[in-house]
Structures are given as C-alpha cells and as structure tokens.
Amino acid sequence: MHFDFNDKIQSYNEWCIGRENEVTAILKWINDSETDKNVLPIFAPAGLGKGALVAEVIKELKGKQPLMFHFCSSGKTNNLHSVLYHFIL
C-alpha cells in the first residue's frame, strides 16, 4: 500500500482561501525553537477546512525542512498500522 497525498494536497490548496493569518501563525509555531510544545491540535466540525489549512502549511514547508505527514480518512488509511507503514516507507 502506497500513500501519495500530492493530489489531495493540490486539491486542498485550491480551496484554502483567506487563511493566510492561520497559516502564518502555524508556521511561526513550527519554527519557534523556544517552545517545548510539539503537538498542535487542530479541531473543528467536519467541512470547516482543517485539511485545507494543513495542506497549505505542508505546501509551505515542503522542500524547506524535513517533513513527515499523513492524511487520515476513512477505510484503509485510518489506522495506526497504515500510518506507521507510510512513515517507514
């Protein structure tokens, strides 16, 4: 099983409009070496753009620093085994 999220990220990037402040805040949090917090929860009801927001952050970070990410959804990609397998690959 291979996880290629490029199409998903591209699709989300087309829908991430007007979220520049949130993207900037997340990038600032990621790059803040002074913090010891290493988990950023992003939560909201379904359909409010969490995936699009994260895809925009991924787009900004890709190629600039080491990056590991995984999009969970329903079915085979939504379990710990699949996530770990993806990261090992």
N, C-alpha and C. Protein backbone atom coordinates (compact mmCIF):
# COMPACT_ATOMS: atom_id res chain seq x y z
N MET A 1 0.85 -1.17 0.00
CA MET A 1 0.00 0.00 0.00
C MET A 1 0.90 1.24 0.00
N HIS A 2 0.70 2.13 -0.93
CA HIS A 2 1.50 3.34 -1.04
C HIS A 2 0.59 4.55 -0.86
N PHE A 3 1.02 5.48 -0.05
CA PHE A 3 0.24 6.67 0.21
C PHE A 3 0.87 7.85 -0.51
N ASP A 4 0.20 8.35 -1.52
CA ASP A 4 0.65 9.53 -2.25
C ASP A 4 -0.42 10.60 -2.08
N PHE A 5 -0.09 11.62 -1.33
CA PHE A 5 -1.06 12.65 -0.99
C PHE A 5 -0.92 13.89 -1.86
N ASN A 6 -0.11 13.84 -2.92
CA ASN A 6 0.09 15.02 -3.74
C ASN A 6 -1.21 15.54 -4.35
N ASP A 7 -2.05 14.64 -4.87
CA ASP A 7 -3.32 15.08 -5.44
C ASP A 7 -4.23 15.69 -4.38
N LYS A 8 -4.24 15.07 -3.21
CA LYS A 8 -5.08 15.59 -2.12
C LYS A 8 -4.60 16.98 -1.70
N ILE A 9 -3.29 17.16 -1.58
CA ILE A 9 -2.75 18.46 -1.18
C ILE A 9 -3.06 19.51 -2.23
N GLN A 10 -2.87 19.16 -3.50
CA GLN A 10 -3.15 20.11 -4.57
C GLN A 10 -4.63 20.51 -4.56
N SER A 11 -5.50 19.54 -4.38
CA SER A 11 -6.93 19.82 -4.33
C SER A 11 -7.27 20.73 -3.15
N TYR A 12 -6.72 20.41 -1.98
CA TYR A 12 -6.95 21.24 -0.80
C TYR A 12 -6.41 22.66 -1.02
N ASN A 13 -5.22 22.77 -1.63
CA ASN A 13 -4.62 24.09 -1.84
C ASN A 13 -5.51 24.99 -2.67
N GLU A 14 -6.28 24.42 -3.57
CA GLU A 14 -7.21 25.21 -4.39
C GLU A 14 -8.35 25.78 -3.54
N TRP A 15 -8.63 25.15 -2.41
CA TRP A 15 -9.74 25.58 -1.56
C TRP A 15 -9.31 26.41 -0.36
N CYS A 16 -8.02 26.51 -0.12
CA CYS A 16 -7.54 27.25 1.05
C CYS A 16 -7.42 28.73 0.69
N ILE A 17 -8.50 29.46 0.87
CA ILE A 17 -8.55 30.87 0.52
C ILE A 17 -8.87 31.67 1.77
N GLY A 18 -8.09 32.73 1.99
CA GLY A 18 -8.36 33.61 3.12
C GLY A 18 -7.90 33.06 4.45
N ARG A 19 -6.98 32.14 4.46
CA ARG A 19 -6.48 31.55 5.71
C ARG A 19 -5.02 31.92 5.96
N GLU A 20 -4.58 33.02 5.36
CA GLU A 20 -3.17 33.41 5.46
C GLU A 20 -2.73 33.62 6.91
N ASN A 21 -3.60 34.26 7.73
CA ASN A 21 -3.24 34.51 9.13
C ASN A 21 -3.03 33.20 9.89
N GLU A 22 -3.92 32.24 9.65
CA GLU A 22 -3.79 30.96 10.34
C GLU A 22 -2.54 30.21 9.88
N VAL A 23 -2.28 30.21 8.56
CA VAL A 23 -1.09 29.54 8.03
C VAL A 23 0.16 30.18 8.61
N THR A 24 0.21 31.51 8.64
CA THR A 24 1.37 32.22 9.20
C THR A 24 1.56 31.88 10.67
N ALA A 25 0.48 31.82 11.43
CA ALA A 25 0.56 31.50 12.86
C ALA A 25 1.09 30.08 13.07
N ILE A 26 0.63 29.13 12.26
CA ILE A 26 1.10 27.75 12.40
C ILE A 26 2.58 27.65 12.02
N LEU A 27 2.98 28.31 10.93
CA LEU A 27 4.39 28.29 10.53
C LEU A 27 5.27 28.92 11.61
N LYS A 28 4.79 29.99 12.22
CA LYS A 28 5.54 30.62 13.32
C LYS A 28 5.68 29.65 14.49
N TRP A 29 4.60 28.95 14.81
CA TRP A 29 4.64 27.98 15.91
C TRP A 29 5.63 26.86 15.59
N ILE A 30 5.61 26.37 14.35
CA ILE A 30 6.51 25.29 13.94
C ILE A 30 7.97 25.73 14.05
N ASN A 31 8.25 26.94 13.64
CA ASN A 31 9.63 27.42 13.59
C ASN A 31 10.11 28.05 14.89
N ASP A 32 9.26 28.09 15.91
CA ASP A 32 9.63 28.67 17.21
C ASP A 32 10.44 27.65 18.00
N SER A 33 11.75 27.83 18.00
CA SER A 33 12.62 26.87 18.69
C SER A 33 12.58 27.05 20.21
N GLU A 34 11.92 28.10 20.68
CA GLU A 34 11.85 28.36 22.12
C GLU A 34 10.78 27.52 22.82
N THR A 35 9.88 26.95 22.07
CA THR A 35 8.79 26.21 22.69
C THR A 35 9.14 24.74 22.89
N ASP A 36 8.59 24.15 23.94
CA ASP A 36 8.76 22.72 24.16
C ASP A 36 7.48 21.98 23.78
N LYS A 37 6.52 22.70 23.23
CA LYS A 37 5.27 22.08 22.80
C LYS A 37 5.48 21.49 21.41
N ASN A 38 5.20 20.20 21.26
CA ASN A 38 5.46 19.56 19.97
C ASN A 38 4.21 18.95 19.34
N VAL A 39 3.04 19.29 19.86
CA VAL A 39 1.79 18.83 19.27
C VAL A 39 0.87 20.04 19.14
N LEU A 40 0.36 20.23 17.93
CA LEU A 40 -0.57 21.33 17.69
C LEU A 40 -1.92 20.73 17.28
N PRO A 41 -2.86 20.70 18.20
CA PRO A 41 -4.17 20.15 17.82
C PRO A 41 -4.93 21.16 16.96
N ILE A 42 -5.50 20.66 15.88
CA ILE A 42 -6.36 21.48 15.02
C ILE A 42 -7.70 20.75 14.97
N PHE A 43 -8.72 21.36 15.54
CA PHE A 43 -10.00 20.69 15.61
C PHE A 43 -11.13 21.67 15.27
N ALA A 44 -12.11 21.14 14.62
CA ALA A 44 -13.31 21.88 14.23
C ALA A 44 -14.29 20.87 13.65
N PRO A 45 -15.55 21.25 13.54
CA PRO A 45 -16.51 20.34 12.91
C PRO A 45 -16.10 20.02 11.47
N ALA A 46 -16.63 18.93 10.97
CA ALA A 46 -16.33 18.50 9.60
C ALA A 46 -16.70 19.58 8.59
N GLY A 47 -15.84 19.73 7.59
CA GLY A 47 -16.14 20.65 6.49
C GLY A 47 -15.70 22.08 6.68
N LEU A 48 -14.99 22.38 7.76
CA LEU A 48 -14.58 23.76 8.00
C LEU A 48 -13.17 24.08 7.51
N GLY A 49 -12.49 23.10 6.90
CA GLY A 49 -11.21 23.41 6.25
C GLY A 49 -9.96 23.03 7.01
N LYS A 50 -10.05 22.09 7.94
CA LYS A 50 -8.85 21.65 8.66
C LYS A 50 -7.84 21.04 7.70
N GLY A 51 -8.30 20.16 6.83
CA GLY A 51 -7.41 19.51 5.86
C GLY A 51 -6.79 20.52 4.91
N ALA A 52 -7.58 21.48 4.44
CA ALA A 52 -7.07 22.50 3.53
C ALA A 52 -6.03 23.37 4.23
N LEU A 53 -6.27 23.70 5.48
CA LEU A 53 -5.32 24.50 6.25
C LEU A 53 -3.99 23.77 6.41
N VAL A 54 -4.05 22.51 6.79
CA VAL A 54 -2.83 21.72 6.97
C VAL A 54 -2.12 21.50 5.63
N ALA A 55 -2.87 21.28 4.57
CA ALA A 55 -2.27 21.12 3.24
C ALA A 55 -1.51 22.38 2.83
N GLU A 56 -2.04 23.52 3.16
CA GLU A 56 -1.36 24.79 2.84
C GLU A 56 -0.05 24.91 3.63
N VAL A 57 -0.08 24.51 4.88
CA VAL A 57 1.14 24.52 5.70
C VAL A 57 2.16 23.55 5.12
N ILE A 58 1.72 22.36 4.73
CA ILE A 58 2.62 21.37 4.13
C ILE A 58 3.24 21.94 2.85
N LYS A 59 2.43 22.60 2.03
CA LYS A 59 2.94 23.20 0.79
C LYS A 59 4.05 24.20 1.09
N GLU A 60 3.87 24.99 2.14
CA GLU A 60 4.87 26.00 2.51
C GLU A 60 6.15 25.36 3.04
N LEU A 61 6.04 24.21 3.70
CA LEU A 61 7.20 23.58 4.33
C LEU A 61 7.95 22.62 3.43
N LYS A 62 7.26 22.05 2.43
CA LYS A 62 7.89 21.04 1.57
C LYS A 62 9.15 21.57 0.93
N GLY A 63 10.23 20.81 1.04
CA GLY A 63 11.50 21.17 0.43
C GLY A 63 12.33 22.14 1.25
N LYS A 64 11.75 22.70 2.31
CA LYS A 64 12.49 23.67 3.14
C LYS A 64 13.07 23.03 4.39
N GLN A 65 12.47 21.93 4.83
CA GLN A 65 12.94 21.24 6.02
C GLN A 65 12.39 19.82 6.00
N PRO A 66 12.98 18.93 6.79
CA PRO A 66 12.46 17.56 6.84
C PRO A 66 10.99 17.58 7.26
N LEU A 67 10.20 16.75 6.62
CA LEU A 67 8.76 16.81 6.84
C LEU A 67 8.15 15.43 6.72
N MET A 68 7.35 15.06 7.71
CA MET A 68 6.58 13.82 7.66
C MET A 68 5.14 14.18 7.93
N PHE A 69 4.25 13.67 7.10
CA PHE A 69 2.83 13.93 7.30
C PHE A 69 2.03 12.76 6.76
N HIS A 70 0.81 12.66 7.24
CA HIS A 70 -0.09 11.61 6.79
C HIS A 70 -1.51 12.13 6.93
N PHE A 71 -2.32 12.00 5.89
CA PHE A 71 -3.73 12.37 5.95
C PHE A 71 -4.54 11.12 6.25
N CYS A 72 -5.27 11.13 7.34
CA CYS A 72 -6.15 10.03 7.66
C CYS A 72 -7.52 10.31 7.06
N SER A 73 -8.16 9.26 6.65
CA SER A 73 -9.54 9.37 6.17
C SER A 73 -10.24 8.07 6.54
N SER A 74 -11.29 7.75 5.89
CA SER A 74 -11.97 6.51 6.22
C SER A 74 -11.30 5.35 5.48
N GLY A 75 -11.56 4.16 5.95
CA GLY A 75 -11.04 2.98 5.28
C GLY A 75 -9.63 2.62 5.68
N LYS A 76 -8.86 2.12 4.73
CA LYS A 76 -7.55 1.54 5.00
C LYS A 76 -6.53 2.54 5.54
N THR A 77 -6.69 3.83 5.25
CA THR A 77 -5.68 4.79 5.69
C THR A 77 -5.93 5.31 7.10
N ASN A 78 -6.99 4.87 7.74
CA ASN A 78 -7.35 5.43 9.03
C ASN A 78 -7.07 4.46 10.18
N ASN A 79 -5.84 3.98 10.23
CA ASN A 79 -5.45 3.16 11.37
C ASN A 79 -3.96 3.33 11.63
N LEU A 80 -3.56 3.02 12.84
CA LEU A 80 -2.17 3.23 13.25
C LEU A 80 -1.20 2.42 12.40
N HIS A 81 -1.55 1.20 12.05
CA HIS A 81 -0.68 0.37 11.23
C HIS A 81 -0.37 1.04 9.90
N SER A 82 -1.39 1.59 9.26
CA SER A 82 -1.19 2.26 7.96
C SER A 82 -0.33 3.50 8.09
N VAL A 83 -0.54 4.27 9.14
CA VAL A 83 0.26 5.49 9.35
C VAL A 83 1.71 5.12 9.57
N LEU A 84 1.98 4.16 10.43
CA LEU A 84 3.36 3.75 10.69
C LEU A 84 4.01 3.18 9.44
N TYR A 85 3.28 2.40 8.67
CA TYR A 85 3.79 1.84 7.43
C TYR A 85 4.17 2.97 6.46
N HIS A 86 3.32 3.96 6.35
CA HIS A 86 3.60 5.09 5.48
C HIS A 86 4.88 5.81 5.91
N PHE A 87 5.07 6.04 7.19
CA PHE A 87 6.26 6.74 7.67
C PHE A 87 7.52 5.88 7.48
N ILE A 88 7.41 4.58 7.62
CA ILE A 88 8.56 3.70 7.43
C ILE A 88 9.02 3.73 5.98
N LEU A 89 8.05 3.75 5.05
CA LEU A 89 8.40 3.81 3.62
C LEU A 89 9.14 5.08 3.31
